[in-house]
Amino acid sequence: MPQIRKFEQDAIVDTTLATIIADRDEVIATLKATPEYVGITQKLASIKDLNKQSKALEDKATSERQELESIVEAFNEDVLNSNPIYKLEYNRYSYQGETGLKFNTSTSSYGNAGQAIQNEIAIALLPKDAVNNINSIIERIANKFKIDLGGS
């Protein structure tokens, strides 16, 4: 048998493929009518519906998170009077546990609370009050940052 050249092989392949798919519309219609294909389309429709529900839930969760952040901010301003020692924080992203609420009671002298106390001390320790009233000055400053819980 003589050897076929590459372009002749390509022509045979192309003709064979054209013959195979000549009735592709009928084959596809037949395949779409199978129970298996119908099941696949139902599963796809279910997934699309779940994706819509998921999007709606995510939109609702985003709205709720934004509202919660506003409520926490108002709590810090209104209830805590912007007290830098007892600051309520909403932890939306957490790599070390659950997200949630936490009172940040950081007492680092470099934090907001430490800076506020340093400022209070600097004002209170003006020469006339410096030596004689140091204990009352400290008590008065500490009382500014305590939270009155009523009956406790």
N, C-alpha and C. Protein backbone atom coordinates (compact mmCIF):
# COMPACT_ATOMS: atom_id res chain seq x y z
N MET A 1 0.85 -1.17 0.00
CA MET A 1 0.00 0.00 0.00
C MET A 1 0.90 1.24 0.00
N PRO A 2 0.58 2.17 -0.88
CA PRO A 2 1.43 3.37 -0.94
C PRO A 2 1.21 4.24 0.29
N GLN A 3 2.20 5.00 0.61
CA GLN A 3 2.14 5.88 1.79
C GLN A 3 1.30 7.11 1.45
N ILE A 4 0.42 7.49 2.43
CA ILE A 4 -0.44 8.66 2.25
C ILE A 4 0.29 9.88 2.77
N ARG A 5 0.16 10.96 2.01
CA ARG A 5 0.80 12.20 2.43
C ARG A 5 -0.04 12.86 3.52
N LYS A 6 0.62 13.77 4.25
CA LYS A 6 -0.01 14.43 5.42
C LYS A 6 -1.29 15.17 5.04
N PHE A 7 -1.30 15.91 3.97
CA PHE A 7 -2.50 16.66 3.60
C PHE A 7 -3.63 15.72 3.21
N GLU A 8 -3.28 14.54 2.67
CA GLU A 8 -4.32 13.56 2.33
C GLU A 8 -4.90 12.95 3.61
N GLN A 9 -4.04 12.71 4.61
CA GLN A 9 -4.54 12.23 5.92
C GLN A 9 -5.48 13.26 6.53
N ASP A 10 -5.09 14.52 6.47
CA ASP A 10 -5.93 15.58 7.03
C ASP A 10 -7.28 15.63 6.32
N ALA A 11 -7.29 15.47 5.04
CA ALA A 11 -8.54 15.49 4.26
C ALA A 11 -9.44 14.32 4.67
N ILE A 12 -8.85 13.16 4.87
CA ILE A 12 -9.62 11.98 5.29
C ILE A 12 -10.21 12.20 6.68
N VAL A 13 -9.40 12.75 7.60
CA VAL A 13 -9.87 13.03 8.96
C VAL A 13 -11.01 14.03 8.92
N ASP A 14 -10.84 15.11 8.16
CA ASP A 14 -11.89 16.12 8.07
C ASP A 14 -13.19 15.54 7.50
N THR A 15 -13.10 14.73 6.48
CA THR A 15 -14.28 14.11 5.87
C THR A 15 -14.95 13.15 6.84
N THR A 16 -14.15 12.39 7.57
CA THR A 16 -14.69 11.45 8.55
C THR A 16 -15.42 12.19 9.66
N LEU A 17 -14.81 13.25 10.17
CA LEU A 17 -15.46 14.04 11.22
C LEU A 17 -16.75 14.68 10.73
N ALA A 18 -16.74 15.18 9.50
CA ALA A 18 -17.95 15.79 8.94
C ALA A 18 -19.06 14.76 8.83
N THR A 19 -18.71 13.53 8.50
CA THR A 19 -19.70 12.45 8.38
C THR A 19 -20.28 12.12 9.77
N ILE A 20 -19.40 12.09 10.77
CA ILE A 20 -19.83 11.73 12.13
C ILE A 20 -20.80 12.77 12.68
N ILE A 21 -20.53 14.05 12.42
CA ILE A 21 -21.38 15.08 13.03
C ILE A 21 -22.46 15.62 12.09
N ALA A 22 -22.65 14.96 10.96
CA ALA A 22 -23.65 15.41 9.99
C ALA A 22 -25.04 15.47 10.61
N ASP A 23 -25.35 14.54 11.49
CA ASP A 23 -26.68 14.51 12.11
C ASP A 23 -26.60 14.94 13.58
N ARG A 24 -25.70 15.86 13.89
CA ARG A 24 -25.46 16.26 15.27
C ARG A 24 -26.69 16.88 15.93
N ASP A 25 -27.50 17.63 15.18
CA ASP A 25 -28.69 18.23 15.79
C ASP A 25 -29.66 17.15 16.30
N GLU A 26 -29.82 16.08 15.52
CA GLU A 26 -30.69 14.98 15.94
C GLU A 26 -30.09 14.24 17.14
N VAL A 27 -28.77 14.03 17.11
CA VAL A 27 -28.09 13.33 18.20
C VAL A 27 -28.21 14.15 19.49
N ILE A 28 -27.97 15.46 19.39
CA ILE A 28 -28.05 16.31 20.58
C ILE A 28 -29.47 16.33 21.12
N ALA A 29 -30.47 16.40 20.25
CA ALA A 29 -31.87 16.38 20.69
C ALA A 29 -32.19 15.08 21.40
N THR A 30 -31.68 13.98 20.89
CA THR A 30 -31.89 12.67 21.51
C THR A 30 -31.22 12.60 22.88
N LEU A 31 -29.99 13.13 22.95
CA LEU A 31 -29.25 13.12 24.22
C LEU A 31 -29.96 14.00 25.26
N LYS A 32 -30.50 15.13 24.83
CA LYS A 32 -31.19 16.03 25.76
C LYS A 32 -32.48 15.41 26.29
N ALA A 33 -33.02 14.44 25.58
CA ALA A 33 -34.26 13.79 26.02
C ALA A 33 -34.01 12.65 27.00
N THR A 34 -32.76 12.29 27.22
CA THR A 34 -32.49 11.18 28.14
C THR A 34 -32.76 11.60 29.58
N PRO A 35 -33.16 10.66 30.43
CA PRO A 35 -33.40 11.00 31.83
C PRO A 35 -32.15 11.51 32.53
N GLU A 36 -31.01 11.01 32.14
CA GLU A 36 -29.76 11.46 32.76
C GLU A 36 -29.52 12.95 32.48
N TYR A 37 -29.71 13.35 31.21
CA TYR A 37 -29.51 14.76 30.87
C TYR A 37 -30.54 15.64 31.57
N VAL A 38 -31.77 15.18 31.64
CA VAL A 38 -32.81 15.94 32.35
C VAL A 38 -32.42 16.11 33.81
N GLY A 39 -31.88 15.06 34.43
CA GLY A 39 -31.40 15.15 35.82
C GLY A 39 -30.27 16.16 35.97
N ILE A 40 -29.37 16.18 34.99
CA ILE A 40 -28.26 17.14 35.03
C ILE A 40 -28.80 18.56 34.95
N THR A 41 -29.74 18.82 34.07
CA THR A 41 -30.30 20.18 33.95
C THR A 41 -31.06 20.58 35.21
N GLN A 42 -31.72 19.61 35.85
CA GLN A 42 -32.41 19.92 37.10
C GLN A 42 -31.40 20.27 38.20
N LYS A 43 -30.30 19.55 38.26
CA LYS A 43 -29.25 19.84 39.23
C LYS A 43 -28.67 21.24 38.98
N LEU A 44 -28.44 21.57 37.70
CA LEU A 44 -27.94 22.89 37.35
C LEU A 44 -28.93 23.98 37.77
N ALA A 45 -30.21 23.76 37.55
CA ALA A 45 -31.23 24.74 37.95
C ALA A 45 -31.24 24.91 39.46
N SER A 46 -31.07 23.80 40.18
CA SER A 46 -31.02 23.85 41.64
C SER A 46 -29.82 24.67 42.11
N ILE A 47 -28.68 24.46 41.48
CA ILE A 47 -27.47 25.21 41.84
C ILE A 47 -27.65 26.69 41.55
N LYS A 48 -28.24 27.02 40.41
CA LYS A 48 -28.49 28.43 40.08
C LYS A 48 -29.41 29.06 41.11
N ASP A 49 -30.43 28.34 41.54
CA ASP A 49 -31.35 28.85 42.55
C ASP A 49 -30.63 29.06 43.89
N LEU A 50 -29.80 28.10 44.27
CA LEU A 50 -29.03 28.24 45.51
C LEU A 50 -28.07 29.43 45.44
N ASN A 51 -27.47 29.65 44.26
CA ASN A 51 -26.58 30.80 44.10
C ASN A 51 -27.35 32.10 44.28
N LYS A 52 -28.57 32.17 43.76
CA LYS A 52 -29.40 33.37 43.96
C LYS A 52 -29.72 33.57 45.43
N GLN A 53 -30.08 32.47 46.11
CA GLN A 53 -30.37 32.55 47.55
C GLN A 53 -29.12 32.97 48.33
N SER A 54 -27.99 32.41 47.96
CA SER A 54 -26.73 32.74 48.63
C SER A 54 -26.41 34.22 48.45
N LYS A 55 -26.60 34.74 47.27
CA LYS A 55 -26.35 36.16 47.00
C LYS A 55 -27.28 37.02 47.85
N ALA A 56 -28.54 36.64 47.93
CA ALA A 56 -29.50 37.40 48.74
C ALA A 56 -29.10 37.36 50.22
N LEU A 57 -28.68 36.19 50.70
CA LEU A 57 -28.25 36.07 52.09
C LEU A 57 -26.98 36.88 52.35
N GLU A 58 -26.04 36.86 51.42
CA GLU A 58 -24.81 37.63 51.59
C GLU A 58 -25.10 39.12 51.61
N ASP A 59 -26.02 39.56 50.76
CA ASP A 59 -26.42 40.98 50.77
C ASP A 59 -27.05 41.34 52.11
N LYS A 60 -27.90 40.46 52.63
CA LYS A 60 -28.55 40.69 53.92
C LYS A 60 -27.51 40.72 55.04
N ALA A 61 -26.56 39.77 55.01
CA ALA A 61 -25.51 39.72 56.03
C ALA A 61 -24.64 40.98 55.98
N THR A 62 -24.33 41.46 54.80
CA THR A 62 -23.53 42.68 54.67
C THR A 62 -24.27 43.86 55.28
N SER A 63 -25.55 43.95 54.99
CA SER A 63 -26.36 45.03 55.55
C SER A 63 -26.42 44.94 57.08
N GLU A 64 -26.60 43.74 57.60
CA GLU A 64 -26.66 43.53 59.06
C GLU A 64 -25.32 43.87 59.71
N ARG A 65 -24.19 43.49 59.06
CA ARG A 65 -22.86 43.82 59.60
C ARG A 65 -22.66 45.32 59.67
N GLN A 66 -23.06 46.02 58.62
CA GLN A 66 -22.91 47.47 58.61
C GLN A 66 -23.75 48.11 59.71
N GLU A 67 -24.96 47.60 59.89
CA GLU A 67 -25.81 48.12 60.96
C GLU A 67 -25.19 47.83 62.33
N LEU A 68 -24.65 46.63 62.51
CA LEU A 68 -24.01 46.27 63.77
C LEU A 68 -22.82 47.18 64.05
N GLU A 69 -22.01 47.45 63.04
CA GLU A 69 -20.86 48.33 63.23
C GLU A 69 -21.30 49.72 63.67
N SER A 70 -22.40 50.21 63.11
CA SER A 70 -22.93 51.52 63.51
C SER A 70 -23.44 51.48 64.95
N ILE A 71 -24.08 50.39 65.34
CA ILE A 71 -24.61 50.25 66.69
C ILE A 71 -23.45 50.18 67.70
N VAL A 72 -22.39 49.44 67.36
CA VAL A 72 -21.23 49.34 68.25
C VAL A 72 -20.57 50.71 68.40
N GLU A 73 -20.45 51.44 67.30
CA GLU A 73 -19.87 52.77 67.36
C GLU A 73 -20.71 53.70 68.25
N ALA A 74 -22.03 53.63 68.10
CA ALA A 74 -22.92 54.44 68.94
C ALA A 74 -22.81 54.03 70.40
N PHE A 75 -22.67 52.74 70.67
CA PHE A 75 -22.51 52.25 72.04
C PHE A 75 -21.25 52.84 72.66
N ASN A 76 -20.16 52.80 71.90
CA ASN A 76 -18.90 53.34 72.40
C ASN A 76 -19.00 54.83 72.70
N GLU A 77 -19.72 55.55 71.86
CA GLU A 77 -19.86 57.00 72.06
C GLU A 77 -20.88 57.34 73.15
N ASP A 78 -22.05 56.68 73.11
CA ASP A 78 -23.15 57.05 73.99
C ASP A 78 -23.07 56.40 75.37
N VAL A 79 -22.87 55.11 75.41
CA VAL A 79 -22.86 54.39 76.68
C VAL A 79 -21.51 54.52 77.38
N LEU A 80 -20.45 54.38 76.62
CA LEU A 80 -19.11 54.42 77.21
C LEU A 80 -18.50 55.82 77.17
N ASN A 81 -19.21 56.77 76.63
CA ASN A 81 -18.70 58.15 76.52
C ASN A 81 -17.31 58.19 75.88
N SER A 82 -17.11 57.38 74.85
CA SER A 82 -15.84 57.30 74.12
C SER A 82 -14.67 56.97 75.03
N ASN A 83 -14.93 56.21 76.09
CA ASN A 83 -13.90 55.79 77.04
C ASN A 83 -12.87 54.93 76.31
N PRO A 84 -11.60 55.33 76.32
CA PRO A 84 -10.60 54.57 75.56
C PRO A 84 -10.17 53.27 76.23
N ILE A 85 -10.52 53.06 77.48
CA ILE A 85 -10.11 51.83 78.16
C ILE A 85 -11.09 50.70 77.89
N TYR A 86 -12.37 50.99 77.95
CA TYR A 86 -13.39 49.97 77.70
C TYR A 86 -14.01 50.26 76.34
N LYS A 87 -13.40 49.75 75.30
CA LYS A 87 -13.90 49.99 73.95
C LYS A 87 -14.45 48.68 73.39
N LEU A 88 -15.72 48.72 72.99
CA LEU A 88 -16.34 47.54 72.39
C LEU A 88 -15.92 47.47 70.93
N GLU A 89 -15.45 46.30 70.52
CA GLU A 89 -15.03 46.11 69.14
C GLU A 89 -15.76 44.93 68.53
N TYR A 90 -16.13 45.07 67.27
CA TYR A 90 -16.72 43.98 66.50
C TYR A 90 -15.65 43.40 65.61
N ASN A 91 -15.30 42.16 65.83
CA ASN A 91 -14.26 41.49 65.06
C ASN A 91 -14.90 40.75 63.90
N ARG A 92 -14.90 41.39 62.73
CA ARG A 92 -15.52 40.81 61.55
C ARG A 92 -14.66 39.73 60.92
N TYR A 93 -13.34 39.92 60.98
CA TYR A 93 -12.41 38.96 60.39
C TYR A 93 -11.56 38.37 61.50
N SER A 94 -11.55 37.08 61.60
CA SER A 94 -10.75 36.46 62.64
C SER A 94 -10.05 35.24 62.08
N TYR A 95 -8.76 35.20 62.27
CA TYR A 95 -7.99 34.04 61.85
C TYR A 95 -7.69 33.13 63.04
N GLN A 96 -8.11 33.56 64.24
CA GLN A 96 -7.80 32.79 65.44
C GLN A 96 -9.05 32.46 66.23
N GLY A 97 -10.15 32.27 65.59
CA GLY A 97 -11.36 31.93 66.33
C GLY A 97 -12.57 32.58 65.68
N GLU A 98 -13.65 32.58 66.43
CA GLU A 98 -14.90 33.10 65.91
C GLU A 98 -14.91 34.62 65.87
N THR A 99 -15.65 35.12 64.92
CA THR A 99 -15.87 36.57 64.90
C THR A 99 -16.84 36.90 66.01
N GLY A 100 -16.83 38.14 66.43
CA GLY A 100 -17.78 38.50 67.47
C GLY A 100 -17.42 39.80 68.14
N LEU A 101 -18.01 40.01 69.32
CA LEU A 101 -17.80 41.22 70.08
C LEU A 101 -16.75 41.00 71.16
N LYS A 102 -15.98 42.07 71.41
CA LYS A 102 -14.94 41.97 72.42
C LYS A 102 -14.72 43.36 72.99
N PHE A 103 -14.56 43.42 74.29
CA PHE A 103 -14.16 44.67 74.92
C PHE A 103 -12.64 44.74 74.89
N ASN A 104 -12.12 45.74 74.23
CA ASN A 104 -10.67 45.92 74.16
C ASN A 104 -10.27 46.74 75.37
N THR A 105 -9.61 46.11 76.29
CA THR A 105 -9.18 46.78 77.52
C THR A 105 -7.67 46.91 77.56
N SER A 106 -7.10 47.20 76.41
CA SER A 106 -5.65 47.37 76.33
C SER A 106 -5.22 48.53 77.21
N THR A 107 -4.24 48.27 78.05
CA THR A 107 -3.75 49.32 78.95
C THR A 107 -2.32 49.72 78.62
N SER A 108 -1.93 49.51 77.40
CA SER A 108 -0.60 49.93 76.98
C SER A 108 -0.48 51.44 77.11
N SER A 109 0.63 51.90 77.64
CA SER A 109 0.81 53.34 77.80
C SER A 109 0.93 54.04 76.45
N TYR A 110 1.11 53.27 75.39
CA TYR A 110 1.20 53.86 74.05
C TYR A 110 -0.14 53.85 73.33
N GLY A 111 -1.14 53.20 73.90
CA GLY A 111 -2.46 53.15 73.28
C GLY A 111 -3.27 54.39 73.57
N ASN A 112 -4.50 54.40 73.09
CA ASN A 112 -5.39 55.55 73.29
C ASN A 112 -5.61 55.84 74.77
N ALA A 113 -5.83 54.79 75.55
CA ALA A 113 -6.09 54.99 76.98
C ALA A 113 -4.86 55.58 77.67
N GLY A 114 -3.70 55.02 77.40
CA GLY A 114 -2.47 55.52 78.02
C GLY A 114 -2.21 56.97 77.66
N GLN A 115 -2.45 57.29 76.43
CA GLN A 115 -2.23 58.67 75.98
C GLN A 115 -3.22 59.62 76.66
N ALA A 116 -4.47 59.20 76.79
CA ALA A 116 -5.48 60.04 77.45
C ALA A 116 -5.11 60.28 78.92
N ILE A 117 -4.64 59.23 79.59
CA ILE A 117 -4.25 59.37 80.99
C ILE A 117 -3.00 60.25 81.11
N GLN A 118 -2.04 60.08 80.21
CA GLN A 118 -0.86 60.93 80.22
C GLN A 118 -1.25 62.40 80.09
N ASN A 119 -2.19 62.67 79.22
CA ASN A 119 -2.65 64.05 79.04
C ASN A 119 -3.32 64.57 80.30
N GLU A 120 -4.15 63.73 80.90
CA GLU A 120 -4.83 64.13 82.14
C GLU A 120 -3.82 64.42 83.25
N ILE A 121 -2.81 63.56 83.35
CA ILE A 121 -1.78 63.76 84.38
C ILE A 121 -1.00 65.04 84.12
N ALA A 122 -0.66 65.28 82.87
CA ALA A 122 0.10 66.48 82.54
C ALA A 122 -0.67 67.73 82.94
N ILE A 123 -1.97 67.72 82.68
CA ILE A 123 -2.79 68.88 83.05
C ILE A 123 -2.93 68.98 84.56
N ALA A 124 -3.16 67.87 85.21
CA ALA A 124 -3.40 67.87 86.65
C ALA A 124 -2.14 68.21 87.45
N LEU A 125 -0.98 67.92 86.91
CA LEU A 125 0.26 68.13 87.65
C LEU A 125 0.88 69.50 87.42
N LEU A 126 0.07 70.42 87.12
CA LEU A 126 0.58 71.79 87.06
C LEU A 126 1.08 72.16 88.45
N PRO A 127 2.00 73.05 88.58
CA PRO A 127 2.70 73.31 89.85
C PRO A 127 1.83 73.42 91.09
N LYS A 128 0.70 74.06 91.04
CA LYS A 128 -0.09 74.25 92.26
C LYS A 128 -0.63 72.94 92.84
N ASP A 129 -0.85 71.92 92.00
CA ASP A 129 -1.42 70.66 92.48
C ASP A 129 -0.39 69.55 92.59
N ALA A 130 0.79 69.76 92.12
CA ALA A 130 1.74 68.69 91.89
C ALA A 130 2.06 67.83 93.10
N VAL A 131 2.52 68.36 94.18
CA VAL A 131 3.01 67.55 95.28
C VAL A 131 1.93 67.21 96.29
N ASN A 132 1.15 68.15 96.69
CA ASN A 132 0.21 67.97 97.79
C ASN A 132 -0.99 67.08 97.44
N ASN A 133 -1.42 67.04 96.19
CA ASN A 133 -2.67 66.36 95.84
C ASN A 133 -2.50 65.17 94.89
N ILE A 134 -1.33 64.58 94.79
CA ILE A 134 -1.09 63.53 93.80
C ILE A 134 -2.05 62.35 93.94
N ASN A 135 -2.33 61.89 95.16
CA ASN A 135 -3.25 60.76 95.34
C ASN A 135 -4.66 61.11 94.90
N SER A 136 -5.11 62.29 95.25
CA SER A 136 -6.46 62.68 94.84
C SER A 136 -6.52 62.91 93.33
N ILE A 137 -5.43 63.38 92.76
CA ILE A 137 -5.39 63.57 91.30
C ILE A 137 -5.51 62.22 90.60
N ILE A 138 -4.75 61.25 91.05
CA ILE A 138 -4.79 59.91 90.44
C ILE A 138 -6.18 59.31 90.60
N GLU A 139 -6.77 59.42 91.79
CA GLU A 139 -8.11 58.89 92.03
C GLU A 139 -9.13 59.57 91.13
N ARG A 140 -9.06 60.88 91.01
CA ARG A 140 -10.00 61.63 90.18
C ARG A 140 -9.87 61.21 88.71
N ILE A 141 -8.64 61.05 88.23
CA ILE A 141 -8.42 60.62 86.84
C ILE A 141 -8.93 59.20 86.64
N ALA A 142 -8.63 58.30 87.56
CA ALA A 142 -9.09 56.92 87.45
C ALA A 142 -10.60 56.85 87.44
N ASN A 143 -11.26 57.68 88.25
CA ASN A 143 -12.73 57.69 88.29
C ASN A 143 -13.34 58.12 86.97
N LYS A 144 -12.63 58.93 86.20
CA LYS A 144 -13.14 59.35 84.89
C LYS A 144 -13.26 58.17 83.93
N PHE A 145 -12.45 57.15 84.14
CA PHE A 145 -12.40 56.03 83.20
C PHE A 145 -13.12 54.78 83.70
N LYS A 146 -13.66 54.83 84.89
CA LYS A 146 -14.41 53.70 85.41
C LYS A 146 -15.82 53.73 84.84
N ILE A 147 -16.40 52.57 84.69
CA ILE A 147 -17.75 52.44 84.18
C ILE A 147 -18.68 52.20 85.37
N ASP A 148 -19.70 53.04 85.49
CA ASP A 148 -20.69 52.87 86.55
C ASP A 148 -21.78 51.95 86.06
N LEU A 149 -21.85 50.76 86.63
CA LEU A 149 -22.83 49.76 86.20
C LEU A 149 -24.08 49.80 87.05
N GLY A 150 -24.29 50.84 87.79
CA GLY A 150 -25.48 50.96 88.61
C GLY A 150 -25.30 50.26 89.94
N GLY A 151 -25.98 49.15 90.15
CA GLY A 151 -26.05 48.45 91.42
C GLY A 151 -24.80 47.71 91.81
N SER A 152 -23.79 47.57 90.95
CA SER A 152 -22.61 46.78 91.32
C SER A 152 -21.65 47.54 92.17
